[in-house]
Every structure is written in structure tokens, then in C-alpha cells.
C-alpha atoms as a PDB file:
ATOM      1  CA  MET A   1      -1.153 -39.770 -43.997  1.00  0.00           C
ATOM      2  CA  ARG A   2       1.972 -39.555 -46.159  1.00  0.00           C
ATOM      3  CA  PHE A   3       2.427 -37.500 -49.260  1.00  0.00           C
ATOM      4  CA  ARG A   4       4.501 -38.845 -52.077  1.00  0.00           C
ATOM      5  CA  GLY A   5       6.029 -36.534 -54.535  1.00  0.00           C
ATOM      6  CA  PRO A   6       5.578 -32.783 -54.892  1.00  0.00           C
ATOM      7  CA  GLY A   7       2.281 -31.307 -53.728  1.00  0.00           C
ATOM      8  CA  ARG A   8      -0.023 -30.023 -56.453  1.00  0.00           C
ATOM      9  CA  VAL A   9      -2.698 -27.416 -56.209  1.00  0.00           C
ATOM     10  CA  GLY A  10      -5.908 -28.272 -58.017  1.00  0.00           C
ATOM     11  CA  SER A  11      -7.124 -25.873 -60.698  1.00  0.00           C
ATOM     12  CA  ALA A  12     -10.326 -25.013 -58.782  1.00  0.00           C
ATOM     13  CA  THR A  13      -8.318 -24.142 -55.668  1.00  0.00           C
ATOM     14  CA  ALA A  14      -5.943 -22.011 -57.725  1.00  0.00           C
ATOM     15  CA  VAL A  15      -8.843 -20.055 -59.279  1.00  0.00           C
ATOM     16  CA  VAL A  16     -10.467 -19.385 -55.866  1.00  0.00           C
ATOM     17  CA  LEU A  17      -7.140 -18.331 -54.368  1.00  0.00           C
ATOM     18  CA  ALA A  18      -6.356 -16.015 -57.289  1.00  0.00           C
ATOM     19  CA  THR A  19      -9.823 -14.415 -57.095  1.00  0.00           C
ATOM     20  CA  CYS A  20      -9.430 -13.741 -53.369  1.00  0.00           C
ATOM     21  CA  LEU A  21      -6.015 -12.186 -53.855  1.00  0.00           C
ATOM     22  CA  LEU A  22      -7.252 -10.043 -56.741  1.00  0.00           C
ATOM     23  CA  ALA A  23     -10.271  -8.820 -54.744  1.00  0.00           C
ATOM     24  CA  ALA A  24      -8.081  -7.983 -51.777  1.00  0.00           C
ATOM     25  CA  ALA A  25      -5.632  -6.075 -53.930  1.00  0.00           C
ATOM     26  CA  CYS A  26      -8.259  -3.898 -55.542  1.00  0.00           C
ATOM     27  CA  GLY A  27      -9.224  -0.822 -53.571  1.00  0.00           C
ATOM     28  CA  SER A  28     -12.605   0.773 -53.724  1.00  0.00           C
ATOM     29  CA  THR A  29     -12.889   4.031 -55.542  1.00  0.00           C
ATOM     30  CA  ASP A  30     -15.415   6.557 -54.426  1.00  0.00           C
ATOM     31  CA  GLY A  31     -16.191   7.739 -57.910  1.00  0.00           C
ATOM     32  CA  GLY A  32     -17.908  11.079 -57.320  1.00  0.00           C
ATOM     33  CA  ARG A  33     -17.343  11.717 -53.594  1.00  0.00           C
ATOM     34  CA  ASP A  34     -15.051  14.476 -52.579  1.00  0.00           C
ATOM     35  CA  SER A  35     -13.331  13.130 -49.497  1.00  0.00           C
ATOM     36  CA  ALA A  36     -12.124  15.470 -46.829  1.00  0.00           C
ATOM     37  CA  ALA A  37      -8.559  15.206 -45.779  1.00  0.00           C
ATOM     38  CA  GLU A  38      -8.228  12.640 -43.050  1.00  0.00           C
ATOM     39  CA  VAL A  39      -6.299  13.703 -40.034  1.00  0.00           C
ATOM     40  CA  ALA A  40      -4.560  11.023 -38.095  1.00  0.00           C
ATOM     41  CA  THR A  41      -5.148  11.492 -34.418  1.00  0.00           C
ATOM     42  CA  THR A  42      -2.981  10.076 -31.744  1.00  0.00           C
ATOM     43  CA  THR A  43      -3.798   9.950 -28.094  1.00  0.00           C
ATOM     44  CA  ILE A  44      -0.810  10.447 -25.884  1.00  0.00           C
ATOM     45  CA  LEU A  45      -1.115   9.280 -22.332  1.00  0.00           C
ATOM     46  CA  GLU A  46       1.066  11.309 -20.074  1.00  0.00           C
ATOM     47  CA  VAL A  47       2.187   9.556 -16.953  1.00  0.00           C
ATOM     48  CA  ALA A  48       3.432  11.702 -14.152  1.00  0.00           C
ATOM     49  CA  THR A  49       5.999  10.069 -11.974  1.00  0.00           C
ATOM     50  CA  THR A  50       6.832  11.423  -8.609  1.00  0.00           C
ATOM     51  CA  THR A  51      10.128  10.666  -7.040  1.00  0.00           C
ATOM     52  CA  VAL A  52      10.053  10.695  -3.289  1.00  0.00           C
ATOM     53  CA  THR A  53      13.301  11.311  -1.504  1.00  0.00           C
ATOM     54  CA  PRO A  54      14.026   9.663   1.833  1.00  0.00           C
ATOM     55  CA  ALA A  55      13.960  13.123   3.455  1.00  0.00           C
ATOM     56  CA  GLY A  56      10.565  13.848   1.884  1.00  0.00           C
ATOM     57  CA  ALA A  57       9.199  10.495   3.049  1.00  0.00           C
ATOM     58  CA  ARG A  58      10.520  11.121   6.561  1.00  0.00           C
ATOM     59  CA  ASP A  59       9.033  14.617   6.719  1.00  0.00           C
ATOM     60  CA  GLY A  60       5.709  13.344   5.390  1.00  0.00           C
ATOM     61  CA  PHE A  61       5.664  10.540   7.943  1.00  0.00           C
ATOM     62  CA  VAL A  62       6.326  12.903  10.832  1.00  0.00           C
ATOM     63  CA  ALA A  63       3.685  15.371   9.620  1.00  0.00           C
ATOM     64  CA  GLY A  64       0.954  12.969   8.532  1.00  0.00           C
ATOM     65  CA  VAL A  65       1.117   9.614  10.286  1.00  0.00           C
ATOM     66  CA  ALA A  66      -1.355  10.664  12.990  1.00  0.00           C
ATOM     67  CA  ASP A  67      -4.097  10.807  10.336  1.00  0.00           C
ATOM     68  CA  SER A  68      -3.746   7.097   9.520  1.00  0.00           C
ATOM     69  CA  ALA A  69      -2.731   5.914  12.998  1.00  0.00           C
ATOM     70  CA  PRO A  70      -4.175   8.336  15.570  1.00  0.00           C
ATOM     71  CA  ILE A  71      -2.499   6.490  18.419  1.00  0.00           C
ATOM     72  CA  LEU A  72       0.838   7.740  17.094  1.00  0.00           C
ATOM     73  CA  GLY A  73      -0.385  11.328  17.299  1.00  0.00           C
ATOM     74  CA  GLY A  74       0.787  11.478  20.899  1.00  0.00           C
ATOM     75  CA  LEU A  75       4.419  10.937  19.931  1.00  0.00           C
ATOM     76  CA  THR A  76       6.876  13.773  19.442  1.00  0.00           C
ATOM     77  CA  ASP A  77       8.298  14.722  16.061  1.00  0.00           C
ATOM     78  CA  HIS A  78      11.641  13.343  17.239  1.00  0.00           C
ATOM     79  CA  ASP A  79      10.041   9.983  18.086  1.00  0.00           C
ATOM     80  CA  LEU A  80       8.186   9.843  14.772  1.00  0.00           C
ATOM     81  CA  GLY A  81      11.385  10.765  12.946  1.00  0.00           C
ATOM     82  CA  CYS A  82      13.121   7.827  14.597  1.00  0.00           C
ATOM     83  CA  VAL A  83      10.337   5.476  13.457  1.00  0.00           C
ATOM     84  CA  ALA A  84      10.474   6.899   9.932  1.00  0.00           C
ATOM     85  CA  ASP A  85      14.245   6.413   9.818  1.00  0.00           C
ATOM     86  CA  ARG A  86      13.864   2.762  10.860  1.00  0.00           C
ATOM     87  CA  LEU A  87      11.158   2.202   8.245  1.00  0.00           C
ATOM     88  CA  LEU A  88      13.355   3.775   5.562  1.00  0.00           C
ATOM     89  CA  GLU A  89      16.059   1.227   6.358  1.00  0.00           C
ATOM     90  CA  GLU A  90      13.696  -1.504   5.132  1.00  0.00           C
ATOM     91  CA  LEU A  91      11.286   0.225   2.744  1.00  0.00           C
ATOM     92  CA  GLU A  92      11.557   2.457  -0.284  1.00  0.00           C
ATOM     93  CA  PRO A  93      10.536   6.092   0.330  1.00  0.00           C
ATOM     94  CA  ALA A  94       7.350   5.647  -1.746  1.00  0.00           C
ATOM     95  CA  GLU A  95       6.358   2.698   0.471  1.00  0.00           C
ATOM     96  CA  VAL A  96       6.858   4.831   3.579  1.00  0.00           C
ATOM     97  CA  VAL A  97       4.610   7.481   2.019  1.00  0.00           C
ATOM     98  CA  ALA A  98       1.934   4.819   1.369  1.00  0.00           C
ATOM     99  CA  LEU A  99       2.306   3.520   4.918  1.00  0.00           C
ATOM    100  CA  THR A 100       1.912   7.082   6.192  1.00  0.00           C
ATOM    101  CA  ARG A 101      -1.345   7.541   4.270  1.00  0.00           C
ATOM    102  CA  ASN A 102      -2.883   4.108   4.794  1.00  0.00           C
ATOM    103  CA  GLY A 103      -1.236   2.687   7.870  1.00  0.00           C
ATOM    104  CA  PRO A 104       0.820  -0.479   7.695  1.00  0.00           C
ATOM    105  CA  ARG A 105      -0.358  -3.349   5.516  1.00  0.00           C
ATOM    106  CA  PRO A 106      -0.716  -6.654   7.361  1.00  0.00           C
ATOM    107  CA  ASP A 107       2.633  -7.801   5.958  1.00  0.00           C
ATOM    108  CA  GLN A 108       4.248  -4.600   7.292  1.00  0.00           C
ATOM    109  CA  SER A 109       2.920  -4.904  10.850  1.00  0.00           C
ATOM    110  CA  ALA A 110       6.011  -6.692  12.191  1.00  0.00           C
ATOM    111  CA  LEU A 111       8.230  -4.063  10.571  1.00  0.00           C
ATOM    112  CA  ALA A 112       6.180  -1.228  12.075  1.00  0.00           C
ATOM    113  CA  VAL A 113       6.389  -2.720  15.562  1.00  0.00           C
ATOM    114  CA  ARG A 114      10.106  -3.438  15.137  1.00  0.00           C
ATOM    115  CA  ALA A 115      10.596   0.243  14.268  1.00  0.00           C
ATOM    116  CA  LEU A 116       8.686   1.227  17.422  1.00  0.00           C
ATOM    117  CA  ARG A 117      10.750  -1.232  19.469  1.00  0.00           C
ATOM    118  CA  ASP A 118      14.042   0.052  18.016  1.00  0.00           C
ATOM    119  CA  CYS A 119      13.020   3.576  19.050  1.00  0.00           C
ATOM    120  CA  ASP A 120      11.938   2.433  22.551  1.00  0.00           C
ATOM    121  CA  LEU A 121       8.346   3.492  21.875  1.00  0.00           C
ATOM    122  CA  VAL A 122       6.323   0.302  22.424  1.00  0.00           C
ATOM    123  CA  ILE A 123       5.463   1.115  26.051  1.00  0.00           C
ATOM    124  CA  GLN A 124       4.738   4.736  25.167  1.00  0.00           C
ATOM    125  CA  VAL A 125       2.360   3.773  22.330  1.00  0.00           C
ATOM    126  CA  VAL A 126       0.519   1.287  24.546  1.00  0.00           C
ATOM    127  CA  THR A 127       0.379   3.915  27.318  1.00  0.00           C
ATOM    128  CA  ILE A 128      -1.194   6.409  24.909  1.00  0.00           C
ATOM    129  CA  GLY A 129      -3.713   3.785  23.808  1.00  0.00           C
ATOM    130  CA  LEU A 130      -4.626   2.842  27.369  1.00  0.00           C
ATOM    131  CA  ARG A 131      -4.929   6.478  28.389  1.00  0.00           C
ATOM    132  CA  ASP A 132      -7.260   7.125  25.442  1.00  0.00           C
ATOM    133  CA  ALA A 133      -9.347   4.043  26.290  1.00  0.00           C
ATOM    134  CA  ILE A 134      -9.619   5.029  29.947  1.00  0.00           C
ATOM    135  CA  GLN A 135     -10.624   8.593  29.056  1.00  0.00           C
ATOM    136  CA  ALA A 136     -13.200   7.370  26.534  1.00  0.00           C
ATOM    137  CA  ASP A 137     -14.964   5.189  29.102  1.00  0.00           C
ATOM    138  CA  PRO A 138     -17.014   7.299  31.542  1.00  0.00           C
ATOM    139  CA  ASP A 139     -17.339   4.321  33.917  1.00  0.00           C
ATOM    140  CA  SER A 140     -13.603   3.699  34.050  1.00  0.00           C
ATOM    141  CA  LEU A 141     -11.724   4.218  37.266  1.00  0.00           C
ATOM    142  CA  PRO A 142      -9.119   6.983  37.178  1.00  0.00           C
ATOM    143  CA  ILE A 143      -6.066   4.838  36.452  1.00  0.00           C
ATOM    144  CA  ASP A 144      -2.631   6.161  35.593  1.00  0.00           C
ATOM    145  CA  ALA A 145      -1.668   4.201  32.462  1.00  0.00           C
ATOM    146  CA  THR A 146       2.026   5.009  32.895  1.00  0.00           C
ATOM    147  CA  CYS A 147       2.019   3.627  36.421  1.00  0.00           C
ATOM    148  CA  LEU A 148       0.002   0.625  35.299  1.00  0.00           C
ATOM    149  CA  LEU A 149       2.585  -0.331  32.674  1.00  0.00           C
ATOM    150  CA  GLU A 150       5.576   0.228  34.931  1.00  0.00           C
ATOM    151  CA  GLY A 151       7.813  -2.833  34.816  1.00  0.00           C
ATOM    152  CA  VAL A 152       6.104  -4.342  31.770  1.00  0.00           C
ATOM    153  CA  ASP A 153       8.532  -5.638  29.170  1.00  0.00           C
ATOM    154  CA  PRO A 154       8.041  -4.083  25.708  1.00  0.00           C
ATOM    155  CA  ASP A 155       8.715  -7.497  24.162  1.00  0.00           C
ATOM    156  CA  ASP A 156       5.566  -8.781  25.892  1.00  0.00           C
ATOM    157  CA  LEU A 157       3.487  -6.018  24.305  1.00  0.00           C
ATOM    158  CA  ALA A 158       5.042  -6.170  20.828  1.00  0.00           C
ATOM    159  CA  PRO A 159       3.007  -9.201  19.628  1.00  0.00           C
ATOM    160  CA  TYR A 160      -0.202  -7.463  20.681  1.00  0.00           C
ATOM    161  CA  LEU A 161       0.719  -4.297  18.784  1.00  0.00           C
ATOM    162  CA  GLU A 162       1.741  -6.360  15.768  1.00  0.00           C
ATOM    163  CA  ALA A 163      -1.640  -8.108  15.744  1.00  0.00           C
ATOM    164  CA  ARG A 164      -3.432  -4.766  16.019  1.00  0.00           C
ATOM    165  CA  PHE A 165      -1.404  -3.257  13.163  1.00  0.00           C
ATOM    166  CA  ALA A 166      -2.126  -6.365  11.065  1.00  0.00           C
ATOM    167  CA  LEU A 167      -5.843  -5.671  11.539  1.00  0.00           C
ATOM    168  CA  GLY A 168      -5.320  -2.167  10.213  1.00  0.00           C
ATOM    169  CA  PHE A 169      -5.827  -0.177  13.390  1.00  0.00           C
ATOM    170  CA  VAL A 170      -4.453   0.267  16.852  1.00  0.00           C
ATOM    171  CA  ALA A 171      -7.027   1.219  19.411  1.00  0.00           C
ATOM    172  CA  PHE A 172      -7.679  -0.116  22.847  1.00  0.00           C
ATOM    173  CA  GLU A 173     -11.051  -0.845  24.283  1.00  0.00           C
ATOM    174  CA  ASP A 174     -11.607  -1.393  27.977  1.00  0.00           C
ATOM    175  CA  SER A 175     -11.899  -5.201  27.842  1.00  0.00           C
ATOM    176  CA  GLU A 176      -8.903  -5.458  25.518  1.00  0.00           C
ATOM    177  CA  ALA A 177      -6.818  -3.365  27.864  1.00  0.00           C
ATOM    178  CA  ILE A 178      -7.713  -5.649  30.780  1.00  0.00           C
ATOM    179  CA  ASP A 179      -6.876  -8.768  28.748  1.00  0.00           C
ATOM    180  CA  LEU A 180      -3.599  -7.238  27.625  1.00  0.00           C
ATOM    181  CA  LEU A 181      -2.526  -6.365  31.134  1.00  0.00           C
ATOM    182  CA  ALA A 182      -3.651  -9.704  32.552  1.00  0.00           C
ATOM    183  CA  GLY A 183      -1.135 -11.454  30.316  1.00  0.00           C
ATOM    184  CA  THR A 184       1.832  -9.266  31.261  1.00  0.00           C
END
């Protein structure tokens, strides 16, 4: 549809439009009511931000990682400090704090195992897990986990640890330990 010439507003439309504008412009008056003073209230949301330093994240990791990953509880503070330092090379301190509390997320499992590998702790962590599994099973033969893993390459165990971390826990059960050792 094309319009020719200037647009014109019909008189009925102009009257309706003027009435609406006039009604909107007029405020209501509360003739006899005495209105109390209105107080404008504002809600202020305070957000607390916490800055975590690398040293704080490292200390927290060393002190608290055993709660989220009990298998790491058998490592020394020096070993855990090494792992924390490797994690801090890749993650922000706040992420290391979250990893300390919750364990590694599935997308962090490779990083966690790489940190263990860089600190030469893969065999030690698997040894701790096997020892715990053997002690937890009353029918298990008295096997020395350290002797059992002698000569095993940490690179052969790393994919297993990575898969366990990706599941959110690292624990060994008797049948899993047998399967793990059968493949090494």
C-alpha cells in the first residue's frame, strides 16, 4: 500500500488521542487523606569477594585434599605441595581451592594425573590404593603392594588413574586391582 501526500489524522482519532494524553497527565488527588511521608527503600546486595593467593591455595591443598580424595591422604606434605605447585601452573588459585574441596572435575582428571606424574607419585598413589584395598578385604592374601608394583611403568597406570579421577573418586576394589595389574 502506498501513501500519496502528507498523512492526515482523522478528527475522531485526534479526539481519542487527546483524551488519553489528558487523562494520563492528570494526577489523582486524595482530597481529604493525610498521606504519610513515603520513604524510599533500597536494597543493597553486598557481594563478598575472596581473593585466594597461590600460597593460600597451596597451603589449603596440602591441608585439605585428603578430605576430597582420601587416597592422597597417604602422601607427605612435601608431595602434596609438589602436586599443588603443578596444579597452580595450569589453574587459578580459586580453581585449586575448588579442586581441593570437591576433587577434580572430569575435565581436570588429566591435569591431576599429570601433576602426580610430574611429581613421581603415580606409583605411590596406586600403591596406597592397593594397600587400602588389600587391607579392606579380609579374604585377601597378605600381599606387599610395593613389591607387587615393582617394575611397573607409571605411564601404564596413568590412564587408569585418569579414568578414576574422571569418575570423581579413586578407590581400588579387589577385582579392579587384579584387572589393573593384569594389564601391566
